[in-house]
Amino acid sequence: TLSNLPHLVDITTMVQLLGDLGVKI
């Protein structure tokens, strides 16, 4: 769990990538 997460396009892209890899988010 990471806090102080910025709301940015690059963060969203990493979320999508991890999700595609099977990480539950």
mmCIF file of all heavy atoms, coordinates in Angstrom:
data_MODEL
# 
_entry.id   MODEL 
# 
loop_
_atom_site.group_PDB 
_atom_site.id 
_atom_site.type_symbol 
_atom_site.label_atom_id 
_atom_site.label_alt_id 
_atom_site.label_comp_id 
_atom_site.label_asym_id 
_atom_site.label_entity_id 
_atom_site.label_seq_id 
_atom_site.pdbx_PDB_ins_code 
_atom_site.Cartn_x 
_atom_site.Cartn_y 
_atom_site.Cartn_z 
_atom_site.occupancy 
_atom_site.B_iso_or_equiv 
_atom_site.pdbx_formal_charge 
_atom_site.auth_seq_id 
_atom_site.auth_comp_id 
_atom_site.auth_asym_id 
_atom_site.auth_atom_id 
_atom_site.pdbx_PDB_model_num 
ATOM 1   N N   . THR A 1 1  ? 0.844  -1.190  0.000   1.00 0.00 ? 1  THR A N   1 
ATOM 2   C CA  . THR A 1 1  ? 0.000  0.000   0.000   1.00 0.00 ? 1  THR A CA  1 
ATOM 3   C C   . THR A 1 1  ? 0.877  1.236   0.000   1.00 0.00 ? 1  THR A C   1 
ATOM 4   O O   . THR A 1 1  ? 1.743  1.395   0.866   1.00 0.00 ? 1  THR A O   1 
ATOM 5   C CB  . THR A 1 1  ? -0.942 0.030   1.219   1.00 0.00 ? 1  THR A CB  1 
ATOM 6   O OG1 . THR A 1 1  ? -1.797 -1.118  1.186   1.00 0.00 ? 1  THR A OG1 1 
ATOM 7   C CG2 . THR A 1 1  ? -1.805 1.287   1.205   1.00 0.00 ? 1  THR A CG2 1 
ATOM 8   N N   . LEU A 1 2  ? 0.668  2.108   -0.973  1.00 0.00 ? 2  LEU A N   1 
ATOM 9   C CA  . LEU A 1 2  ? 1.417  3.354   -1.091  1.00 0.00 ? 2  LEU A CA  1 
ATOM 10  C C   . LEU A 1 2  ? 0.472  4.525   -0.866  1.00 0.00 ? 2  LEU A C   1 
ATOM 11  O O   . LEU A 1 2  ? -0.584 4.599   -1.493  1.00 0.00 ? 2  LEU A O   1 
ATOM 12  C CB  . LEU A 1 2  ? 2.055  3.478   -2.480  1.00 0.00 ? 2  LEU A CB  1 
ATOM 13  C CG  . LEU A 1 2  ? 3.041  2.392   -2.890  1.00 0.00 ? 2  LEU A CG  1 
ATOM 14  C CD1 . LEU A 1 2  ? 3.477  2.600   -4.343  1.00 0.00 ? 2  LEU A CD1 1 
ATOM 15  C CD2 . LEU A 1 2  ? 4.263  2.380   -1.968  1.00 0.00 ? 2  LEU A CD2 1 
ATOM 16  N N   . SER A 1 3  ? 0.855  5.451   -0.004  1.00 0.00 ? 3  SER A N   1 
ATOM 17  C CA  . SER A 1 3  ? 0.084  6.673   0.210   1.00 0.00 ? 3  SER A CA  1 
ATOM 18  C C   . SER A 1 3  ? 0.823  7.872   -0.361  1.00 0.00 ? 3  SER A C   1 
ATOM 19  O O   . SER A 1 3  ? 1.974  7.776   -0.773  1.00 0.00 ? 3  SER A O   1 
ATOM 20  C CB  . SER A 1 3  ? -0.209 6.875   1.693   1.00 0.00 ? 3  SER A CB  1 
ATOM 21  O OG  . SER A 1 3  ? 0.990  6.988   2.435   1.00 0.00 ? 3  SER A OG  1 
ATOM 22  N N   . ASN A 1 4  ? 0.141  9.015   -0.376  1.00 0.00 ? 4  ASN A N   1 
ATOM 23  C CA  . ASN A 1 4  ? 0.654  10.238  -1.008  1.00 0.00 ? 4  ASN A CA  1 
ATOM 24  C C   . ASN A 1 4  ? 0.881  10.024  -2.499  1.00 0.00 ? 4  ASN A C   1 
ATOM 25  O O   . ASN A 1 4  ? 1.865  10.480  -3.089  1.00 0.00 ? 4  ASN A O   1 
ATOM 26  C CB  . ASN A 1 4  ? 1.941  10.719  -0.336  1.00 0.00 ? 4  ASN A CB  1 
ATOM 27  C CG  . ASN A 1 4  ? 2.206  12.197  -0.568  1.00 0.00 ? 4  ASN A CG  1 
ATOM 28  O OD1 . ASN A 1 4  ? 1.306  12.964  -0.873  1.00 0.00 ? 4  ASN A OD1 1 
ATOM 29  N ND2 . ASN A 1 4  ? 3.452  12.597  -0.429  1.00 0.00 ? 4  ASN A ND2 1 
ATOM 30  N N   . LEU A 1 5  ? -0.055 9.333   -3.127  1.00 0.00 ? 5  LEU A N   1 
ATOM 31  C CA  . LEU A 1 5  ? 0.048  8.994   -4.546  1.00 0.00 ? 5  LEU A CA  1 
ATOM 32  C C   . LEU A 1 5  ? -0.450 10.163  -5.390  1.00 0.00 ? 5  LEU A C   1 
ATOM 33  O O   . LEU A 1 5  ? -1.568 10.636  -5.215  1.00 0.00 ? 5  LEU A O   1 
ATOM 34  C CB  . LEU A 1 5  ? -0.793 7.748   -4.846  1.00 0.00 ? 5  LEU A CB  1 
ATOM 35  C CG  . LEU A 1 5  ? -0.673 7.189   -6.272  1.00 0.00 ? 5  LEU A CG  1 
ATOM 36  C CD1 . LEU A 1 5  ? 0.643  6.435   -6.433  1.00 0.00 ? 5  LEU A CD1 1 
ATOM 37  C CD2 . LEU A 1 5  ? -1.860 6.265   -6.565  1.00 0.00 ? 5  LEU A CD2 1 
ATOM 38  N N   . PRO A 1 6  ? 0.363  10.662  -6.332  1.00 0.00 ? 6  PRO A N   1 
ATOM 39  C CA  . PRO A 1 6  ? -0.113 11.745  -7.187  1.00 0.00 ? 6  PRO A CA  1 
ATOM 40  C C   . PRO A 1 6  ? -1.103 11.245  -8.230  1.00 0.00 ? 6  PRO A C   1 
ATOM 41  O O   . PRO A 1 6  ? -1.028 10.083  -8.667  1.00 0.00 ? 6  PRO A O   1 
ATOM 42  C CB  . PRO A 1 6  ? 1.169  12.253  -7.854  1.00 0.00 ? 6  PRO A CB  1 
ATOM 43  C CG  . PRO A 1 6  ? 2.077  11.055  -7.890  1.00 0.00 ? 6  PRO A CG  1 
ATOM 44  C CD  . PRO A 1 6  ? 1.762  10.278  -6.637  1.00 0.00 ? 6  PRO A CD  1 
ATOM 45  N N   . HIS A 1 7  ? -2.026 12.112  -8.622  1.00 0.00 ? 7  HIS A N   1 
ATOM 46  C CA  . HIS A 1 7  ? -3.017 11.770  -9.635  1.00 0.00 ? 7  HIS A CA  1 
ATOM 47  C C   . HIS A 1 7  ? -2.527 12.298  -10.982 1.00 0.00 ? 7  HIS A C   1 
ATOM 48  O O   . HIS A 1 7  ? -2.755 13.447  -11.347 1.00 0.00 ? 7  HIS A O   1 
ATOM 49  C CB  . HIS A 1 7  ? -4.376 12.367  -9.282  1.00 0.00 ? 7  HIS A CB  1 
ATOM 50  C CG  . HIS A 1 7  ? -5.462 11.973  -10.238 1.00 0.00 ? 7  HIS A CG  1 
ATOM 51  N ND1 . HIS A 1 7  ? -5.795 10.664  -10.495 1.00 0.00 ? 7  HIS A ND1 1 
ATOM 52  C CD2 . HIS A 1 7  ? -6.286 12.716  -11.007 1.00 0.00 ? 7  HIS A CD2 1 
ATOM 53  C CE1 . HIS A 1 7  ? -6.773 10.619  -11.377 1.00 0.00 ? 7  HIS A CE1 1 
ATOM 54  N NE2 . HIS A 1 7  ? -7.081 11.845  -11.706 1.00 0.00 ? 7  HIS A NE2 1 
ATOM 55  N N   . LEU A 1 8  ? -1.837 11.436  -11.730 1.00 0.00 ? 8  LEU A N   1 
ATOM 56  C CA  . LEU A 1 8  ? -1.194 11.833  -12.972 1.00 0.00 ? 8  LEU A CA  1 
ATOM 57  C C   . LEU A 1 8  ? -1.427 10.765  -14.042 1.00 0.00 ? 8  LEU A C   1 
ATOM 58  O O   . LEU A 1 8  ? -1.688 9.602   -13.721 1.00 0.00 ? 8  LEU A O   1 
ATOM 59  C CB  . LEU A 1 8  ? 0.311  12.000  -12.758 1.00 0.00 ? 8  LEU A CB  1 
ATOM 60  C CG  . LEU A 1 8  ? 0.748  13.038  -11.711 1.00 0.00 ? 8  LEU A CG  1 
ATOM 61  C CD1 . LEU A 1 8  ? 2.232  12.878  -11.398 1.00 0.00 ? 8  LEU A CD1 1 
ATOM 62  C CD2 . LEU A 1 8  ? 0.450  14.443  -12.209 1.00 0.00 ? 8  LEU A CD2 1 
ATOM 63  N N   . VAL A 1 9  ? -1.280 11.161  -15.296 1.00 0.00 ? 9  VAL A N   1 
ATOM 64  C CA  . VAL A 1 9  ? -1.471 10.224  -16.398 1.00 0.00 ? 9  VAL A CA  1 
ATOM 65  C C   . VAL A 1 9  ? -0.478 9.071   -16.313 1.00 0.00 ? 9  VAL A C   1 
ATOM 66  O O   . VAL A 1 9  ? -0.827 7.915   -16.550 1.00 0.00 ? 9  VAL A O   1 
ATOM 67  C CB  . VAL A 1 9  ? -1.352 10.953  -17.756 1.00 0.00 ? 9  VAL A CB  1 
ATOM 68  C CG1 . VAL A 1 9  ? -1.276 9.952   -18.899 1.00 0.00 ? 9  VAL A CG1 1 
ATOM 69  C CG2 . VAL A 1 9  ? -2.530 11.899  -17.962 1.00 0.00 ? 9  VAL A CG2 1 
ATOM 70  N N   . ASP A 1 10 ? 0.785  9.350   -15.985 1.00 0.00 ? 10 ASP A N   1 
ATOM 71  C CA  . ASP A 1 10 ? 1.782  8.284   -15.889 1.00 0.00 ? 10 ASP A CA  1 
ATOM 72  C C   . ASP A 1 10 ? 1.431  7.286   -14.784 1.00 0.00 ? 10 ASP A C   1 
ATOM 73  O O   . ASP A 1 10 ? 1.683  6.084   -14.923 1.00 0.00 ? 10 ASP A O   1 
ATOM 74  C CB  . ASP A 1 10 ? 3.170  8.874   -15.631 1.00 0.00 ? 10 ASP A CB  1 
ATOM 75  C CG  . ASP A 1 10 ? 3.828  9.398   -16.899 1.00 0.00 ? 10 ASP A CG  1 
ATOM 76  O OD1 . ASP A 1 10 ? 3.160  9.411   -17.954 1.00 0.00 ? 10 ASP A OD1 1 
ATOM 77  O OD2 . ASP A 1 10 ? 5.006  9.812   -16.852 1.00 0.00 ? 10 ASP A OD2 1 
ATOM 78  N N   . ILE A 1 11 ? 0.855  7.757   -13.696 1.00 0.00 ? 11 ILE A N   1 
ATOM 79  C CA  . ILE A 1 11 ? 0.414  6.861   -12.623 1.00 0.00 ? 11 ILE A CA  1 
ATOM 80  C C   . ILE A 1 11 ? -0.728 5.978   -13.122 1.00 0.00 ? 11 ILE A C   1 
ATOM 81  O O   . ILE A 1 11 ? -0.750 4.764   -12.881 1.00 0.00 ? 11 ILE A O   1 
ATOM 82  C CB  . ILE A 1 11 ? -0.022 7.663   -11.384 1.00 0.00 ? 11 ILE A CB  1 
ATOM 83  C CG1 . ILE A 1 11 ? 1.151  8.477   -10.827 1.00 0.00 ? 11 ILE A CG1 1 
ATOM 84  C CG2 . ILE A 1 11 ? -0.597 6.728   -10.316 1.00 0.00 ? 11 ILE A CG2 1 
ATOM 85  C CD1 . ILE A 1 11 ? 2.308  7.668   -10.306 1.00 0.00 ? 11 ILE A CD1 1 
ATOM 86  N N   . THR A 1 12 ? -1.661 6.572   -13.838 1.00 0.00 ? 12 THR A N   1 
ATOM 87  C CA  . THR A 1 12 ? -2.773 5.806   -14.411 1.00 0.00 ? 12 THR A CA  1 
ATOM 88  C C   . THR A 1 12 ? -2.267 4.745   -15.379 1.00 0.00 ? 12 THR A C   1 
ATOM 89  O O   . THR A 1 12 ? -2.760 3.612   -15.393 1.00 0.00 ? 12 THR A O   1 
ATOM 90  C CB  . THR A 1 12 ? -3.757 6.746   -15.118 1.00 0.00 ? 12 THR A CB  1 
ATOM 91  O OG1 . THR A 1 12 ? -4.245 7.713   -14.183 1.00 0.00 ? 12 THR A OG1 1 
ATOM 92  C CG2 . THR A 1 12 ? -4.936 5.980   -15.699 1.00 0.00 ? 12 THR A CG2 1 
ATOM 93  N N   . THR A 1 13 ? -1.266 5.109   -16.192 1.00 0.00 ? 13 THR A N   1 
ATOM 94  C CA  . THR A 1 13 ? -0.683 4.145   -17.120 1.00 0.00 ? 13 THR A CA  1 
ATOM 95  C C   . THR A 1 13 ? -0.057 2.971   -16.373 1.00 0.00 ? 13 THR A C   1 
ATOM 96  O O   . THR A 1 13 ? -0.228 1.812   -16.756 1.00 0.00 ? 13 THR A O   1 
ATOM 97  C CB  . THR A 1 13 ? 0.369  4.825   -18.011 1.00 0.00 ? 13 THR A CB  1 
ATOM 98  O OG1 . THR A 1 13 ? -0.237 5.880   -18.748 1.00 0.00 ? 13 THR A OG1 1 
ATOM 99  C CG2 . THR A 1 13 ? 0.992  3.832   -18.984 1.00 0.00 ? 13 THR A CG2 1 
ATOM 100 N N   . MET A 1 14 ? 0.660  3.241   -15.284 1.00 0.00 ? 14 MET A N   1 
ATOM 101 C CA  . MET A 1 14 ? 1.263  2.167   -14.503 1.00 0.00 ? 14 MET A CA  1 
ATOM 102 C C   . MET A 1 14 ? 0.184  1.305   -13.843 1.00 0.00 ? 14 MET A C   1 
ATOM 103 O O   . MET A 1 14 ? 0.322  0.074   -13.773 1.00 0.00 ? 14 MET A O   1 
ATOM 104 C CB  . MET A 1 14 ? 2.221  2.733   -13.463 1.00 0.00 ? 14 MET A CB  1 
ATOM 105 C CG  . MET A 1 14 ? 2.947  1.672   -12.636 1.00 0.00 ? 14 MET A CG  1 
ATOM 106 S SD  . MET A 1 14 ? 4.007  0.550   -13.607 1.00 0.00 ? 14 MET A SD  1 
ATOM 107 C CE  . MET A 1 14 ? 5.502  1.547   -13.732 1.00 0.00 ? 14 MET A CE  1 
ATOM 108 N N   . VAL A 1 15 ? -0.887 1.927   -13.376 1.00 0.00 ? 15 VAL A N   1 
ATOM 109 C CA  . VAL A 1 15 ? -2.008 1.169   -12.815 1.00 0.00 ? 15 VAL A CA  1 
ATOM 110 C C   . VAL A 1 15 ? -2.569 0.209   -13.864 1.00 0.00 ? 15 VAL A C   1 
ATOM 111 O O   . VAL A 1 15 ? -2.818 -0.973  -13.593 1.00 0.00 ? 15 VAL A O   1 
ATOM 112 C CB  . VAL A 1 15 ? -3.109 2.121   -12.299 1.00 0.00 ? 15 VAL A CB  1 
ATOM 113 C CG1 . VAL A 1 15 ? -4.403 1.341   -12.009 1.00 0.00 ? 15 VAL A CG1 1 
ATOM 114 C CG2 . VAL A 1 15 ? -2.654 2.841   -11.035 1.00 0.00 ? 15 VAL A CG2 1 
ATOM 115 N N   . GLN A 1 16 ? -2.774 0.708   -15.085 1.00 0.00 ? 16 GLN A N   1 
ATOM 116 C CA  . GLN A 1 16 ? -3.297 -0.127  -16.161 1.00 0.00 ? 16 GLN A CA  1 
ATOM 117 C C   . GLN A 1 16 ? -2.337 -1.263  -16.486 1.00 0.00 ? 16 GLN A C   1 
ATOM 118 O O   . GLN A 1 16 ? -2.757 -2.407  -16.711 1.00 0.00 ? 16 GLN A O   1 
ATOM 119 C CB  . GLN A 1 16 ? -3.546 0.728   -17.404 1.00 0.00 ? 16 GLN A CB  1 
ATOM 120 C CG  . GLN A 1 16 ? -4.676 1.723   -17.252 1.00 0.00 ? 16 GLN A CG  1 
ATOM 121 C CD  . GLN A 1 16 ? -4.770 2.679   -18.441 1.00 0.00 ? 16 GLN A CD  1 
ATOM 122 O OE1 . GLN A 1 16 ? -3.789 2.953   -19.125 1.00 0.00 ? 16 GLN A OE1 1 
ATOM 123 N NE2 . GLN A 1 16 ? -5.969 3.183   -18.683 1.00 0.00 ? 16 GLN A NE2 1 
ATOM 124 N N   . LEU A 1 17 ? -1.045 -0.953  -16.515 1.00 0.00 ? 17 LEU A N   1 
ATOM 125 C CA  . LEU A 1 17 ? -0.048 -1.976  -16.818 1.00 0.00 ? 17 LEU A CA  1 
ATOM 126 C C   . LEU A 1 17 ? -0.039 -3.063  -15.751 1.00 0.00 ? 17 LEU A C   1 
ATOM 127 O O   . LEU A 1 17 ? -0.068 -4.265  -16.076 1.00 0.00 ? 17 LEU A O   1 
ATOM 128 C CB  . LEU A 1 17 ? 1.329  -1.326  -16.936 1.00 0.00 ? 17 LEU A CB  1 
ATOM 129 C CG  . LEU A 1 17 ? 2.521  -2.267  -17.159 1.00 0.00 ? 17 LEU A CG  1 
ATOM 130 C CD1 . LEU A 1 17 ? 2.332  -3.115  -18.396 1.00 0.00 ? 17 LEU A CD1 1 
ATOM 131 C CD2 . LEU A 1 17 ? 3.824  -1.459  -17.259 1.00 0.00 ? 17 LEU A CD2 1 
ATOM 132 N N   . LEU A 1 18 ? -0.008 -2.680  -14.483 1.00 0.00 ? 18 LEU A N   1 
ATOM 133 C CA  . LEU A 1 18 ? -0.017 -3.660  -13.402 1.00 0.00 ? 18 LEU A CA  1 
ATOM 134 C C   . LEU A 1 18 ? -1.307 -4.474  -13.423 1.00 0.00 ? 18 LEU A C   1 
ATOM 135 O O   . LEU A 1 18 ? -1.305 -5.677  -13.179 1.00 0.00 ? 18 LEU A O   1 
ATOM 136 C CB  . LEU A 1 18 ? 0.163  -2.969  -12.048 1.00 0.00 ? 18 LEU A CB  1 
ATOM 137 C CG  . LEU A 1 18 ? 1.529  -2.317  -11.799 1.00 0.00 ? 18 LEU A CG  1 
ATOM 138 C CD1 . LEU A 1 18 ? 1.518  -1.564  -10.469 1.00 0.00 ? 18 LEU A CD1 1 
ATOM 139 C CD2 . LEU A 1 18 ? 2.652  -3.352  -11.811 1.00 0.00 ? 18 LEU A CD2 1 
ATOM 140 N N   . GLY A 1 19 ? -2.421 -3.799  -13.715 1.00 0.00 ? 19 GLY A N   1 
ATOM 141 C CA  . GLY A 1 19 ? -3.688 -4.506  -13.818 1.00 0.00 ? 19 GLY A CA  1 
ATOM 142 C C   . GLY A 1 19 ? -3.670 -5.545  -14.921 1.00 0.00 ? 19 GLY A C   1 
ATOM 143 O O   . GLY A 1 19 ? -4.161 -6.671  -14.747 1.00 0.00 ? 19 GLY A O   1 
ATOM 144 N N   . ASP A 1 20 ? -3.086 -5.193  -16.079 1.00 0.00 ? 20 ASP A N   1 
ATOM 145 C CA  . ASP A 1 20 ? -2.966 -6.143  -17.180 1.00 0.00 ? 20 ASP A CA  1 
ATOM 146 C C   . ASP A 1 20 ? -2.088 -7.334  -16.810 1.00 0.00 ? 20 ASP A C   1 
ATOM 147 O O   . ASP A 1 20 ? -2.283 -8.448  -17.310 1.00 0.00 ? 20 ASP A O   1 
ATOM 148 C CB  . ASP A 1 20 ? -2.387 -5.445  -18.410 1.00 0.00 ? 20 ASP A CB  1 
ATOM 149 C CG  . ASP A 1 20 ? -3.435 -4.719  -19.234 1.00 0.00 ? 20 ASP A CG  1 
ATOM 150 O OD1 . ASP A 1 20 ? -4.583 -4.571  -18.753 1.00 0.00 ? 20 ASP A OD1 1 
ATOM 151 O OD2 . ASP A 1 20 ? -3.114 -4.308  -20.373 1.00 0.00 ? 20 ASP A OD2 1 
ATOM 152 N N   . LEU A 1 21 ? -1.109 -7.098  -15.932 1.00 0.00 ? 21 LEU A N   1 
ATOM 153 C CA  . LEU A 1 21 ? -0.234 -8.178  -15.486 1.00 0.00 ? 21 LEU A CA  1 
ATOM 154 C C   . LEU A 1 21 ? -0.902 -9.082  -14.456 1.00 0.00 ? 21 LEU A C   1 
ATOM 155 O O   . LEU A 1 21 ? -0.354 -10.119 -14.092 1.00 0.00 ? 21 LEU A O   1 
ATOM 156 C CB  . LEU A 1 21 ? 1.058  -7.600  -14.906 1.00 0.00 ? 21 LEU A CB  1 
ATOM 157 C CG  . LEU A 1 21 ? 2.005  -6.927  -15.908 1.00 0.00 ? 21 LEU A CG  1 
ATOM 158 C CD1 . LEU A 1 21 ? 3.157  -6.239  -15.182 1.00 0.00 ? 21 LEU A CD1 1 
ATOM 159 C CD2 . LEU A 1 21 ? 2.554  -7.942  -16.906 1.00 0.00 ? 21 LEU A CD2 1 
ATOM 160 N N   . GLY A 1 22 ? -2.066 -8.677  -13.954 1.00 0.00 ? 22 GLY A N   1 
ATOM 161 C CA  . GLY A 1 22 ? -2.797 -9.499  -13.003 1.00 0.00 ? 22 GLY A CA  1 
ATOM 162 C C   . GLY A 1 22 ? -2.770 -9.017  -11.572 1.00 0.00 ? 22 GLY A C   1 
ATOM 163 O O   . GLY A 1 22 ? -3.267 -9.712  -10.670 1.00 0.00 ? 22 GLY A O   1 
ATOM 164 N N   . VAL A 1 23 ? -2.190 -7.833  -11.321 1.00 0.00 ? 23 VAL A N   1 
ATOM 165 C CA  . VAL A 1 23 ? -2.161 -7.278  -9.975  1.00 0.00 ? 23 VAL A CA  1 
ATOM 166 C C   . VAL A 1 23 ? -3.549 -6.760  -9.612  1.00 0.00 ? 23 VAL A C   1 
ATOM 167 O O   . VAL A 1 23 ? -4.174 -6.035  -10.392 1.00 0.00 ? 23 VAL A O   1 
ATOM 168 C CB  . VAL A 1 23 ? -1.124 -6.139  -9.870  1.00 0.00 ? 23 VAL A CB  1 
ATOM 169 C CG1 . VAL A 1 23 ? -1.111 -5.555  -8.458  1.00 0.00 ? 23 VAL A CG1 1 
ATOM 170 C CG2 . VAL A 1 23 ? 0.266  -6.650  -10.248 1.00 0.00 ? 23 VAL A CG2 1 
ATOM 171 N N   . LYS A 1 24 ? -4.042 -7.158  -8.429  1.00 0.00 ? 24 LYS A N   1 
ATOM 172 C CA  . LYS A 1 24 ? -5.316 -6.645  -7.939  1.00 0.00 ? 24 LYS A CA  1 
ATOM 173 C C   . LYS A 1 24 ? -5.081 -5.278  -7.300  1.00 0.00 ? 24 LYS A C   1 
ATOM 174 O O   . LYS A 1 24 ? -4.246 -5.138  -6.402  1.00 0.00 ? 24 LYS A O   1 
ATOM 175 C CB  . LYS A 1 24 ? -5.935 -7.604  -6.928  1.00 0.00 ? 24 LYS A CB  1 
ATOM 176 C CG  . LYS A 1 24 ? -6.248 -8.982  -7.495  1.00 0.00 ? 24 LYS A CG  1 
ATOM 177 C CD  . LYS A 1 24 ? -6.740 -9.918  -6.400  1.00 0.00 ? 24 LYS A CD  1 
ATOM 178 C CE  . LYS A 1 24 ? -6.980 -11.321 -6.935  1.00 0.00 ? 24 LYS A CE  1 
ATOM 179 N NZ  . LYS A 1 24 ? -7.361 -12.264 -5.848  1.00 0.00 ? 24 LYS A NZ  1 
ATOM 180 N N   . ILE A 1 25 ? -5.827 -4.272  -7.755  1.00 0.00 ? 25 ILE A N   1 
ATOM 181 C CA  . ILE A 1 25 ? -5.577 -2.894  -7.340  1.00 0.00 ? 25 ILE A CA  1 
ATOM 182 C C   . ILE A 1 25 ? -6.841 -2.271  -6.776  1.00 0.00 ? 25 ILE A C   1 
ATOM 183 O O   . ILE A 1 25 ? -7.924 -2.417  -7.339  1.00 0.00 ? 25 ILE A O   1 
ATOM 184 C CB  . ILE A 1 25 ? -5.071 -2.064  -8.537  1.00 0.00 ? 25 ILE A CB  1 
ATOM 185 C CG1 . ILE A 1 25 ? -3.720 -2.612  -9.010  1.00 0.00 ? 25 ILE A CG1 1 
ATOM 186 C CG2 . ILE A 1 25 ? -4.944 -0.584  -8.170  1.00 0.00 ? 25 ILE A CG2 1 
ATOM 187 C CD1 . ILE A 1 25 ? -3.218 -2.002  -10.285 1.00 0.00 ? 25 ILE A CD1 1 
# 
